[in-house]
Amino acid sequence: MATACMDAATAGQVEDVQLIDVREPWEEETASLPFFRLFPLSKLQVWGPSIAEQLDPSRETLVLCHHGVRSMQVATVRLRCGRHQC
């Protein structure tokens, strides 16, 4: 699934996927990709409760971080909670 999402994103078909970046703001300032929305993992307590209203459960979501650890944490929480109920 992630490969299909990344292929869509790189092909410019960003309307087909939701792109979120869970790095810190300073990391995004250093290097960012177009169309990714910033949701810093360190601020999960701020954006976590409202994520259900911010993301569409019917669309695939691609989560970005620097090495994959933070994105895996967010993806795991989303899967455990039925994508958007947490």
C-alpha atoms as a PDB file:
ATOM      1  CA  MET A   1       0.000   0.000   0.000  1.00  0.00           C
ATOM      2  CA  ALA A   2       2.708   2.486   0.932  1.00  0.00           C
ATOM      3  CA  THR A   3       4.394   1.981  -2.435  1.00  0.00           C
ATOM      4  CA  ALA A   4       1.160   2.733  -4.262  1.00  0.00           C
ATOM      5  CA  CYS A   5       0.695   5.867  -2.151  1.00  0.00           C
ATOM      6  CA  MET A   6       4.231   7.038  -2.809  1.00  0.00           C
ATOM      7  CA  ASP A   7       3.834   6.338  -6.536  1.00  0.00           C
ATOM      8  CA  ALA A   8       0.655   8.427  -6.576  1.00  0.00           C
ATOM      9  CA  ALA A   9       2.339  11.219  -4.646  1.00  0.00           C
ATOM     10  CA  THR A  10       5.375  11.327  -6.908  1.00  0.00           C
ATOM     11  CA  ALA A  11       3.173  11.222  -9.990  1.00  0.00           C
ATOM     12  CA  GLY A  12       1.401  14.345  -8.766  1.00  0.00           C
ATOM     13  CA  GLN A  13      -1.831  12.535  -7.929  1.00  0.00           C
ATOM     14  CA  VAL A  14      -1.947  13.917  -4.415  1.00  0.00           C
ATOM     15  CA  GLU A  15      -5.733  14.045  -4.377  1.00  0.00           C
ATOM     16  CA  ASP A  16      -5.699  10.232  -4.143  1.00  0.00           C
ATOM     17  CA  VAL A  17      -3.663  10.090  -0.916  1.00  0.00           C
ATOM     18  CA  GLN A  18      -3.248  11.991   2.343  1.00  0.00           C
ATOM     19  CA  LEU A  19       0.330  12.976   3.037  1.00  0.00           C
ATOM     20  CA  ILE A  20       1.384  13.693   6.610  1.00  0.00           C
ATOM     21  CA  ASP A  21       4.807  14.539   7.997  1.00  0.00           C
ATOM     22  CA  VAL A  22       5.379  13.668  11.668  1.00  0.00           C
ATOM     23  CA  ARG A  23       8.809  15.296  11.945  1.00  0.00           C
ATOM     24  CA  GLU A  24       9.515  18.435  13.972  1.00  0.00           C
ATOM     25  CA  PRO A  25       9.024  21.909  12.432  1.00  0.00           C
ATOM     26  CA  TRP A  26      12.781  22.503  12.320  1.00  0.00           C
ATOM     27  CA  GLU A  27      13.200  19.290  10.322  1.00  0.00           C
ATOM     28  CA  GLU A  28      10.556  20.378   7.843  1.00  0.00           C
ATOM     29  CA  GLU A  29      12.327  23.727   7.460  1.00  0.00           C
ATOM     30  CA  THR A  30      15.559  21.882   6.630  1.00  0.00           C
ATOM     31  CA  ALA A  31      13.968  19.546   4.069  1.00  0.00           C
ATOM     32  CA  SER A  32      10.354  19.172   3.053  1.00  0.00           C
ATOM     33  CA  LEU A  33       8.273  17.591   0.341  1.00  0.00           C
ATOM     34  CA  PRO A  34       5.350  19.335  -1.336  1.00  0.00           C
ATOM     35  CA  PHE A  35       1.795  18.450  -0.304  1.00  0.00           C
ATOM     36  CA  PHE A  36       2.750  16.953   3.100  1.00  0.00           C
ATOM     37  CA  ARG A  37       0.889  18.371   6.100  1.00  0.00           C
ATOM     38  CA  LEU A  38       2.928  18.718   9.292  1.00  0.00           C
ATOM     39  CA  PHE A  39       1.734  16.815  12.381  1.00  0.00           C
ATOM     40  CA  PRO A  40       4.797  16.694  14.681  1.00  0.00           C
ATOM     41  CA  LEU A  41       4.751  13.506  16.753  1.00  0.00           C
ATOM     42  CA  SER A  42       5.918  15.507  19.772  1.00  0.00           C
ATOM     43  CA  LYS A  43       2.600  17.414  19.584  1.00  0.00           C
ATOM     44  CA  LEU A  44       0.410  14.305  19.351  1.00  0.00           C
ATOM     45  CA  GLN A  45      -1.483  15.396  22.461  1.00  0.00           C
ATOM     46  CA  VAL A  46      -2.479  18.580  20.583  1.00  0.00           C
ATOM     47  CA  TRP A  47      -3.464  17.212  17.158  1.00  0.00           C
ATOM     48  CA  GLY A  48      -4.310  13.624  18.122  1.00  0.00           C
ATOM     49  CA  PRO A  49      -7.826  14.258  19.459  1.00  0.00           C
ATOM     50  CA  SER A  50      -8.880  16.099  16.289  1.00  0.00           C
ATOM     51  CA  ILE A  51      -7.175  13.900  13.701  1.00  0.00           C
ATOM     52  CA  ALA A  52     -10.474  12.160  12.876  1.00  0.00           C
ATOM     53  CA  GLU A  53     -11.846  15.465  11.587  1.00  0.00           C
ATOM     54  CA  GLN A  54      -8.667  16.322   9.683  1.00  0.00           C
ATOM     55  CA  LEU A  55      -8.131  13.108   7.722  1.00  0.00           C
ATOM     56  CA  ASP A  56     -10.515  11.218   5.444  1.00  0.00           C
ATOM     57  CA  PRO A  57     -10.847   7.553   6.503  1.00  0.00           C
ATOM     58  CA  SER A  58     -11.687   6.491   2.935  1.00  0.00           C
ATOM     59  CA  ARG A  59      -8.335   7.693   1.547  1.00  0.00           C
ATOM     60  CA  GLU A  60      -4.914   6.084   1.876  1.00  0.00           C
ATOM     61  CA  THR A  61      -2.465   7.923   4.145  1.00  0.00           C
ATOM     62  CA  LEU A  62       1.290   8.154   3.676  1.00  0.00           C
ATOM     63  CA  VAL A  63       3.221   9.085   6.841  1.00  0.00           C
ATOM     64  CA  LEU A  64       6.696  10.614   6.575  1.00  0.00           C
ATOM     65  CA  CYS A  65       9.514  11.040   9.098  1.00  0.00           C
ATOM     66  CA  HIS A  66      13.309  11.013   8.924  1.00  0.00           C
ATOM     67  CA  HIS A  67      14.156   7.332   9.506  1.00  0.00           C
ATOM     68  CA  GLY A  68      10.759   5.631   9.735  1.00  0.00           C
ATOM     69  CA  VAL A  69      10.465   5.185  13.506  1.00  0.00           C
ATOM     70  CA  ARG A  70       8.026   8.034  14.149  1.00  0.00           C
ATOM     71  CA  SER A  71       5.972   7.315  11.048  1.00  0.00           C
ATOM     72  CA  MET A  72       5.680   3.659  12.089  1.00  0.00           C
ATOM     73  CA  GLN A  73       4.468   4.761  15.536  1.00  0.00           C
ATOM     74  CA  VAL A  74       1.751   6.945  14.015  1.00  0.00           C
ATOM     75  CA  ALA A  75       0.774   4.277  11.472  1.00  0.00           C
ATOM     76  CA  THR A  76       0.547   1.654  14.219  1.00  0.00           C
ATOM     77  CA  VAL A  77      -1.681   3.866  16.369  1.00  0.00           C
ATOM     78  CA  ARG A  78      -3.909   4.629  13.383  1.00  0.00           C
ATOM     79  CA  LEU A  79      -4.273   0.945  12.502  1.00  0.00           C
ATOM     80  CA  ARG A  80      -4.889  -0.076  16.115  1.00  0.00           C
ATOM     81  CA  CYS A  81      -7.600   2.558  16.405  1.00  0.00           C
ATOM     82  CA  GLY A  82      -9.317   1.790  13.132  1.00  0.00           C
ATOM     83  CA  ARG A  83      -7.435   4.554  11.309  1.00  0.00           C
ATOM     84  CA  HIS A  84      -9.254   7.600  12.663  1.00  0.00           C
ATOM     85  CA  GLN A  85     -11.047   6.848  15.911  1.00  0.00           C
ATOM     86  CA  CYS A  86      -8.157   7.788  18.212  1.00  0.00           C
END
